[in-house]
């Protein structure tokens, strides 16, 4: 399987060249909010939920917070 070169170089540089395989990372990131499907039977049981519960792609807290703060400045001109 061919991986994007930039990610491969980054992981090699920081000392975890096998991160893509070890972390079972997808070839491409999912957009925030994308529906990824229902919970698996094991996950539903462990969480006390049903398999009808849907899973969505999330956002890292720090990134979400930055968007929330910066969103307040949307449309303002910088001089």
PDB file of N, CA and C in Angstrom:
ATOM      1  N   UNK A   1       0.836  -1.167   0.000  1.00  0.00           N
ATOM      2  CA  UNK A   1       0.000   0.000   0.000  1.00  0.00           C
ATOM      3  C   UNK A   1       0.893   1.247   0.000  1.00  0.00           C
ATOM      4  N   UNK A   2       0.596   2.194  -0.851  1.00  0.00           N
ATOM      5  CA  UNK A   2       1.385   3.414  -0.978  1.00  0.00           C
ATOM      6  C   UNK A   2       0.867   4.465   0.001  1.00  0.00           C
ATOM      7  N   UNK A   3       1.759   5.062   0.754  1.00  0.00           N
ATOM      8  CA  UNK A   3       1.398   6.083   1.740  1.00  0.00           C
ATOM      9  C   UNK A   3       1.873   7.452   1.266  1.00  0.00           C
ATOM     10  N   UNK A   4       1.177   8.514   1.688  1.00  0.00           N
ATOM     11  CA  UNK A   4       1.654   9.862   1.357  1.00  0.00           C
ATOM     12  C   UNK A   4       3.052  10.084   1.914  1.00  0.00           C
ATOM     13  N   UNK A   5       3.921  10.620   1.107  1.00  0.00           N
ATOM     14  CA  UNK A   5       5.328  10.787   1.479  1.00  0.00           C
ATOM     15  C   UNK A   5       5.499  11.701   2.675  1.00  0.00           C
ATOM     16  N   UNK A   6       4.758  12.802   2.751  1.00  0.00           N
ATOM     17  CA  UNK A   6       4.913  13.755   3.847  1.00  0.00           C
ATOM     18  C   UNK A   6       4.695  13.138   5.212  1.00  0.00           C
ATOM     19  N   UNK A   7       3.657  12.337   5.343  1.00  0.00           N
ATOM     20  CA  UNK A   7       3.383  11.691   6.637  1.00  0.00           C
ATOM     21  C   UNK A   7       4.477  10.690   6.968  1.00  0.00           C
ATOM     22  N   UNK A   8       4.917   9.955   5.967  1.00  0.00           N
ATOM     23  CA  UNK A   8       5.962   8.957   6.194  1.00  0.00           C
ATOM     24  C   UNK A   8       7.238   9.628   6.699  1.00  0.00           C
ATOM     25  N   UNK A   9       7.633  10.709   6.063  1.00  0.00           N
ATOM     26  CA  UNK A   9       8.843  11.430   6.476  1.00  0.00           C
ATOM     27  C   UNK A   9       8.674  11.993   7.885  1.00  0.00           C
ATOM     28  N   UNK A  10       7.512  12.546   8.178  1.00  0.00           N
ATOM     29  CA  UNK A  10       7.274  13.093   9.515  1.00  0.00           C
ATOM     30  C   UNK A  10       7.427  12.012  10.577  1.00  0.00           C
ATOM     31  N   UNK A  11       6.749  10.890  10.415  1.00  0.00           N
ATOM     32  CA  UNK A  11       6.820   9.831  11.415  1.00  0.00           C
ATOM     33  C   UNK A  11       8.231   9.261  11.544  1.00  0.00           C
ATOM     34  N   UNK A  12       8.955   9.156  10.443  1.00  0.00           N
ATOM     35  CA  UNK A  12      10.349   8.700  10.507  1.00  0.00           C
ATOM     36  C   UNK A  12      11.192   9.700  11.292  1.00  0.00           C
ATOM     37  N   UNK A  13      10.978  10.994  11.044  1.00  0.00           N
ATOM     38  CA  UNK A  13      11.749  12.048  11.697  1.00  0.00           C
ATOM     39  C   UNK A  13      11.547  12.049  13.202  1.00  0.00           C
ATOM     40  N   UNK A  14      10.327  11.797  13.661  1.00  0.00           N
ATOM     41  CA  UNK A  14      10.058  11.830  15.099  1.00  0.00           C
ATOM     42  C   UNK A  14      10.266  10.459  15.760  1.00  0.00           C
ATOM     43  N   UNK A  15      10.809   9.507  15.014  1.00  0.00           N
ATOM     44  CA  UNK A  15      11.201   8.226  15.605  1.00  0.00           C
ATOM     45  C   UNK A  15      10.139   7.155  15.674  1.00  0.00           C
ATOM     46  N   UNK A  16       9.043   7.315  14.935  1.00  0.00           N
ATOM     47  CA  UNK A  16       8.002   6.279  14.922  1.00  0.00           C
ATOM     48  C   UNK A  16       7.630   5.936  13.466  1.00  0.00           C
ATOM     49  N   UNK A  17       8.599   5.364  12.751  1.00  0.00           N
ATOM     50  CA  UNK A  17       8.382   5.098  11.323  1.00  0.00           C
ATOM     51  C   UNK A  17       7.249   4.116  11.031  1.00  0.00           C
ATOM     52  N   UNK A  18       6.879   3.300  12.014  1.00  0.00           N
ATOM     53  CA  UNK A  18       5.830   2.302  11.789  1.00  0.00           C
ATOM     54  C   UNK A  18       4.453   2.771  12.292  1.00  0.00           C
ATOM     55  N   UNK A  19       4.308   4.062  12.559  1.00  0.00           N
ATOM     56  CA  UNK A  19       3.073   4.573  13.146  1.00  0.00           C
ATOM     57  C   UNK A  19       1.844   4.317  12.278  1.00  0.00           C
ATOM     58  N   UNK A  20       1.956   4.452  10.983  1.00  0.00           N
ATOM     59  CA  UNK A  20       0.800   4.246  10.108  1.00  0.00           C
ATOM     60  C   UNK A  20       0.266   2.823  10.236  1.00  0.00           C
ATOM     61  N   UNK A  21       1.153   1.862  10.265  1.00  0.00           N
ATOM     62  CA  UNK A  21       0.727   0.464  10.380  1.00  0.00           C
ATOM     63  C   UNK A  21       0.335   0.122  11.817  1.00  0.00           C
ATOM     64  N   UNK A  22       1.181   0.519  12.770  1.00  0.00           N
ATOM     65  CA  UNK A  22       0.929   0.187  14.169  1.00  0.00           C
ATOM     66  C   UNK A  22      -0.362   0.832  14.670  1.00  0.00           C
ATOM     67  N   UNK A  23      -0.616   2.060  14.252  1.00  0.00           N
ATOM     68  CA  UNK A  23      -1.813   2.769  14.675  1.00  0.00           C
ATOM     69  C   UNK A  23      -3.027   2.459  13.819  1.00  0.00           C
ATOM     70  N   UNK A  24      -2.832   1.631  12.795  1.00  0.00           N
ATOM     71  CA  UNK A  24      -3.900   1.272  11.855  1.00  0.00           C
ATOM     72  C   UNK A  24      -4.610   2.524  11.345  1.00  0.00           C
ATOM     73  N   UNK A  25      -3.788   3.531  10.991  1.00  0.00           N
ATOM     74  CA  UNK A  25      -4.341   4.790  10.500  1.00  0.00           C
ATOM     75  C   UNK A  25      -4.841   4.619   9.075  1.00  0.00           C
ATOM     76  N   UNK A  26      -5.938   5.276   8.754  1.00  0.00           N
ATOM     77  CA  UNK A  26      -6.470   5.171   7.392  1.00  0.00           C
ATOM     78  C   UNK A  26      -5.580   5.904   6.395  1.00  0.00           C
ATOM     79  N   UNK A  27      -5.727   5.581   5.152  1.00  0.00           N
ATOM     80  CA  UNK A  27      -4.964   6.228   4.090  1.00  0.00           C
ATOM     81  C   UNK A  27      -5.254   7.732   4.070  1.00  0.00           C
ATOM     82  N   UNK A  28      -6.491   8.093   4.336  1.00  0.00           N
ATOM     83  CA  UNK A  28      -6.894   9.490   4.280  1.00  0.00           C
ATOM     84  C   UNK A  28      -7.742   9.816   5.515  1.00  0.00           C
ATOM     85  N   UNK A  29      -7.586  11.017   6.059  1.00  0.00           N
ATOM     86  CA  UNK A  29      -8.363  11.436   7.221  1.00  0.00           C
ATOM     87  C   UNK A  29      -9.817  11.664   6.816  1.00  0.00           C
ATOM     88  N   UNK A  30     -10.719  11.476   7.766  1.00  0.00           N
ATOM     89  CA  UNK A  30     -12.144  11.708   7.527  1.00  0.00           C
ATOM     90  C   UNK A  30     -12.503  13.137   7.899  1.00  0.00           C
ATOM     91  N   UNK A  31     -13.391  13.773   7.142  1.00  0.00           N
ATOM     92  CA  UNK A  31     -13.837  15.120   7.506  1.00  0.00           C
ATOM     93  C   UNK A  31     -14.571  15.108   8.852  1.00  0.00           C
ATOM     94  N   UNK A  32     -14.403  16.160   9.626  1.00  0.00           N
ATOM     95  CA  UNK A  32     -15.068  16.282  10.920  1.00  0.00           C
ATOM     96  C   UNK A  32     -16.575  16.193  10.722  1.00  0.00           C
ATOM     97  N   UNK A  33     -17.218  15.371  11.536  1.00  0.00           N
ATOM     98  CA  UNK A  33     -18.665  15.215  11.482  1.00  0.00           C
ATOM     99  C   UNK A  33     -19.151  14.133  10.541  1.00  0.00           C
ATOM    100  N   UNK A  34     -18.250  13.549   9.757  1.00  0.00           N
ATOM    101  CA  UNK A  34     -18.642  12.491   8.833  1.00  0.00           C
ATOM    102  C   UNK A  34     -19.166  11.288   9.607  1.00  0.00           C
ATOM    103  N   UNK A  35     -20.290  10.739   9.204  1.00  0.00           N
ATOM    104  CA  UNK A  35     -20.814   9.531   9.821  1.00  0.00           C
ATOM    105  C   UNK A  35     -19.949   8.342   9.454  1.00  0.00           C
ATOM    106  N   UNK A  36     -19.431   7.648  10.465  1.00  0.00           N
ATOM    107  CA  UNK A  36     -18.538   6.521  10.218  1.00  0.00           C
ATOM    108  C   UNK A  36     -19.231   5.171  10.359  1.00  0.00           C
ATOM    109  N   UNK A  37     -20.475   5.189  10.838  1.00  0.00           N
ATOM    110  CA  UNK A  37     -21.216   3.943  10.974  1.00  0.00           C
ATOM    111  C   UNK A  37     -21.649   3.681  12.401  1.00  0.00           C
ATOM    112  N   UNK A  38     -22.267   2.533  12.624  1.00  0.00           N
ATOM    113  CA  UNK A  38     -22.752   2.192  13.968  1.00  0.00           C
ATOM    114  C   UNK A  38     -21.635   1.632  14.851  1.00  0.00           C
ATOM    115  N   UNK A  39     -21.897   1.636  16.151  1.00  0.00           N
ATOM    116  CA  UNK A  39     -20.969   0.989  17.088  1.00  0.00           C
ATOM    117  C   UNK A  39     -20.905  -0.506  16.800  1.00  0.00           C
ATOM    118  N   UNK A  40     -19.752  -1.085  17.055  1.00  0.00           N
ATOM    119  CA  UNK A  40     -19.645  -2.533  16.951  1.00  0.00           C
ATOM    120  C   UNK A  40     -20.351  -3.159  18.155  1.00  0.00           C
ATOM    121  N   UNK A  41     -20.619  -4.435  18.079  1.00  0.00           N
ATOM    122  CA  UNK A  41     -21.258  -5.142  19.190  1.00  0.00           C
ATOM    123  C   UNK A  41     -20.427  -5.016  20.455  1.00  0.00           C
ATOM    124  N   UNK A  42     -19.108  -5.201  20.342  1.00  0.00           N
ATOM    125  CA  UNK A  42     -18.221  -5.109  21.515  1.00  0.00           C
ATOM    126  C   UNK A  42     -18.223  -3.713  22.120  1.00  0.00           C
ATOM    127  N   UNK A  43     -18.106  -2.681  21.266  1.00  0.00           N
ATOM    128  CA  UNK A  43     -18.079  -1.304  21.767  1.00  0.00           C
ATOM    129  C   UNK A  43     -19.410  -0.941  22.412  1.00  0.00           C
ATOM    130  N   UNK A  44     -20.510  -1.323  21.791  1.00  0.00           N
ATOM    131  CA  UNK A  44     -21.831  -1.023  22.349  1.00  0.00           C
ATOM    132  C   UNK A  44     -21.990  -1.656  23.724  1.00  0.00           C
ATOM    133  N   UNK A  45     -21.588  -2.919  23.848  1.00  0.00           N
ATOM    134  CA  UNK A  45     -21.686  -3.611  25.133  1.00  0.00           C
ATOM    135  C   UNK A  45     -20.817  -2.968  26.204  1.00  0.00           C
ATOM    136  N   UNK A  46     -19.595  -2.598  25.829  1.00  0.00           N
ATOM    137  CA  UNK A  46     -18.663  -2.004  26.792  1.00  0.00           C
ATOM    138  C   UNK A  46     -19.137  -0.625  27.254  1.00  0.00           C
ATOM    139  N   UNK A  47     -19.840   0.095  26.395  1.00  0.00           N
ATOM    140  CA  UNK A  47     -20.290   1.447  26.715  1.00  0.00           C
ATOM    141  C   UNK A  47     -21.720   1.500  27.251  1.00  0.00           C
ATOM    142  N   UNK A  48     -22.397   0.357  27.249  1.00  0.00           N
ATOM    143  CA  UNK A  48     -23.779   0.325  27.705  1.00  0.00           C
ATOM    144  C   UNK A  48     -24.732   1.001  26.722  1.00  0.00           C
ATOM    145  N   UNK A  49     -24.383   0.957  25.439  1.00  0.00           N
ATOM    146  CA  UNK A  49     -25.202   1.566  24.395  1.00  0.00           C
ATOM    147  C   UNK A  49     -25.700   0.480  23.451  1.00  0.00           C
ATOM    148  N   UNK A  50     -26.492   0.856  22.473  1.00  0.00           N
ATOM    149  CA  UNK A  50     -26.947  -0.122  21.491  1.00  0.00           C
ATOM    150  C   UNK A  50     -26.133   0.022  20.212  1.00  0.00           C
ATOM    151  N   UNK A  51     -26.222  -0.968  19.372  1.00  0.00           N
ATOM    152  CA  UNK A  51     -25.530  -0.919  18.084  1.00  0.00           C
ATOM    153  C   UNK A  51     -26.179   0.084  17.132  1.00  0.00           C
ATOM    154  N   UNK A  52     -27.300   0.642  17.532  1.00  0.00           N
ATOM    155  CA  UNK A  52     -27.948   1.677  16.716  1.00  0.00           C
ATOM    156  C   UNK A  52     -27.280   3.031  16.901  1.00  0.00           C
ATOM    157  N   UNK A  53     -26.418   3.152  17.931  1.00  0.00           N
ATOM    158  CA  UNK A  53     -25.692   4.397  18.175  1.00  0.00           C
ATOM    159  C   UNK A  53     -24.701   4.629  17.031  1.00  0.00           C
ATOM    160  N   UNK A  54     -24.745   5.809  16.435  1.00  0.00           N
ATOM    161  CA  UNK A  54     -23.884   6.125  15.300  1.00  0.00           C
ATOM    162  C   UNK A  54     -22.597   6.793  15.768  1.00  0.00           C
ATOM    163  N   UNK A  55     -21.522   6.544  15.048  1.00  0.00           N
ATOM    164  CA  UNK A  55     -20.215   7.106  15.351  1.00  0.00           C
ATOM    165  C   UNK A  55     -19.879   8.143  14.290  1.00  0.00           C
ATOM    166  N   UNK A  56     -19.359   9.284  14.718  1.00  0.00           N
ATOM    167  CA  UNK A  56     -18.954  10.331  13.794  1.00  0.00           C
ATOM    168  C   UNK A  56     -17.504  10.702  14.007  1.00  0.00           C
ATOM    169  N   UNK A  57     -16.862  11.196  12.950  1.00  0.00           N
ATOM    170  CA  UNK A  57     -15.474  11.647  13.054  1.00  0.00           C
ATOM    171  C   UNK A  57     -15.422  12.873  13.951  1.00  0.00           C
ATOM    172  N   UNK A  58     -14.498  12.882  14.885  1.00  0.00           N
ATOM    173  CA  UNK A  58     -14.390  13.966  15.845  1.00  0.00           C
ATOM    174  C   UNK A  58     -13.313  14.973  15.509  1.00  0.00           C
ATOM    175  N   UNK A  59     -13.032  15.813  16.458  1.00  0.00           N
ATOM    176  CA  UNK A  59     -12.062  16.887  16.308  1.00  0.00           C
ATOM    177  C   UNK A  59     -11.265  16.971  17.603  1.00  0.00           C
ATOM    178  N   UNK A  60      -9.970  17.174  17.494  1.00  0.00           N
ATOM    179  CA  UNK A  60      -9.117  17.321  18.672  1.00  0.00           C
ATOM    180  C   UNK A  60      -9.551  18.566  19.443  1.00  0.00           C
ATOM    181  N   UNK A  61      -9.672  18.459  20.761  1.00  0.00           N
ATOM    182  CA  UNK A  61     -10.163  19.558  21.601  1.00  0.00           C
ATOM    183  C   UNK A  61      -9.474  20.888  21.320  1.00  0.00           C
ATOM    184  N   UNK A  62      -8.145  20.866  21.247  1.00  0.00           N
ATOM    185  CA  UNK A  62      -7.405  22.114  21.044  1.00  0.00           C
ATOM    186  C   UNK A  62      -7.766  22.757  19.712  1.00  0.00           C
ATOM    187  N   UNK A  63      -7.926  21.942  18.695  1.00  0.00           N
ATOM    188  CA  UNK A  63      -8.284  22.484  17.380  1.00  0.00           C
ATOM    189  C   UNK A  63      -9.700  23.039  17.392  1.00  0.00           C
ATOM    190  N   UNK A  64     -10.616  22.315  18.037  1.00  0.00           N
ATOM    191  CA  UNK A  64     -11.994  22.785  18.142  1.00  0.00           C
ATOM    192  C   UNK A  64     -12.075  24.082  18.926  1.00  0.00           C
ATOM    193  N   UNK A  65     -11.293  24.181  20.011  1.00  0.00           N
ATOM    194  CA  UNK A  65     -11.273  25.405  20.803  1.00  0.00           C
ATOM    195  C   UNK A  65     -10.752  26.587  20.012  1.00  0.00           C
ATOM    196  N   UNK A  66      -9.716  26.339  19.230  1.00  0.00           N
ATOM    197  CA  UNK A  66      -9.161  27.419  18.399  1.00  0.00           C
ATOM    198  C   UNK A  66     -10.195  27.896  17.395  1.00  0.00           C
ATOM    199  N   UNK A  67     -10.918  26.964  16.792  1.00  0.00           N
ATOM    200  CA  UNK A  67     -11.959  27.358  15.844  1.00  0.00           C
ATOM    201  C   UNK A  67     -13.036  28.181  16.526  1.00  0.00           C
ATOM    202  N   UNK A  68     -13.409  27.787  17.743  1.00  0.00           N
ATOM    203  CA  UNK A  68     -14.426  28.524  18.477  1.00  0.00           C
ATOM    204  C   UNK A  68     -13.985  29.933  18.818  1.00  0.00           C
ATOM    205  N   UNK A  69     -12.741  30.087  19.238  1.00  0.00           N
ATOM    206  CA  UNK A  69     -12.220  31.410  19.589  1.00  0.00           C
ATOM    207  C   UNK A  69     -12.050  32.260  18.336  1.00  0.00           C
ATOM    208  N   UNK A  70     -11.414  31.703  17.334  1.00  0.00           N
ATOM    209  CA  UNK A  70     -11.158  32.469  16.110  1.00  0.00           C
ATOM    210  C   UNK A  70     -12.426  32.775  15.335  1.00  0.00           C
ATOM    211  N   UNK A  71     -13.446  31.925  15.482  1.00  0.00           N
ATOM    212  CA  UNK A  71     -14.711  32.156  14.792  1.00  0.00           C
ATOM    213  C   UNK A  71     -15.345  33.475  15.182  1.00  0.00           C
ATOM    214  N   UNK A  72     -15.081  33.931  16.395  1.00  0.00           N
ATOM    215  CA  UNK A  72     -15.605  35.211  16.852  1.00  0.00           C
ATOM    216  C   UNK A  72     -15.021  36.396  16.103  1.00  0.00           C
ATOM    217  N   UNK A  73     -13.889  36.168  15.454  1.00  0.00           N
ATOM    218  CA  UNK A  73     -13.227  37.240  14.710  1.00  0.00           C
ATOM    219  C   UNK A  73     -13.481  37.145  13.208  1.00  0.00           C
ATOM    220  N   UNK A  74     -14.294  36.185  12.798  1.00  0.00           N
ATOM    221  CA  UNK A  74     -14.567  36.011  11.366  1.00  0.00           C
ATOM    222  C   UNK A  74     -15.153  37.288  10.791  1.00  0.00           C
ATOM    223  N   UNK A  75     -14.643  37.688   9.659  1.00  0.00           N
ATOM    224  CA  UNK A  75     -15.130  38.866   8.973  1.00  0.00           C
ATOM    225  C   UNK A  75     -14.457  40.163   9.390  1.00  0.00           C
ATOM    226  N   UNK A  76     -13.633  40.132  10.430  1.00  0.00           N
ATOM    227  CA  UNK A  76     -12.933  41.347  10.848  1.00  0.00           C
ATOM    228  C   UNK A  76     -11.706  41.546   9.970  1.00  0.00           C
ATOM    229  N   UNK A  77     -11.466  42.767   9.574  1.00  0.00           N
ATOM    230  CA  UNK A  77     -10.296  43.069   8.741  1.00  0.00           C
ATOM    231  C   UNK A  77      -9.089  43.335   9.616  1.00  0.00           C
ATOM    232  N   UNK A  78      -7.953  42.846   9.174  1.00  0.00           N
ATOM    233  CA  UNK A  78      -6.691  43.112   9.866  1.00  0.00           C
ATOM    234  C   UNK A  78      -6.012  44.268   9.145  1.00  0.00           C
ATOM    235  N   UNK A  79      -5.599  45.253   9.903  1.00  0.00           N
ATOM    236  CA  UNK A  79      -4.917  46.424   9.286  1.00  0.00           C
ATOM    237  C   UNK A  79      -3.503  46.480   9.705  1.00  0.00           C
TER     238      UNK A  79
END
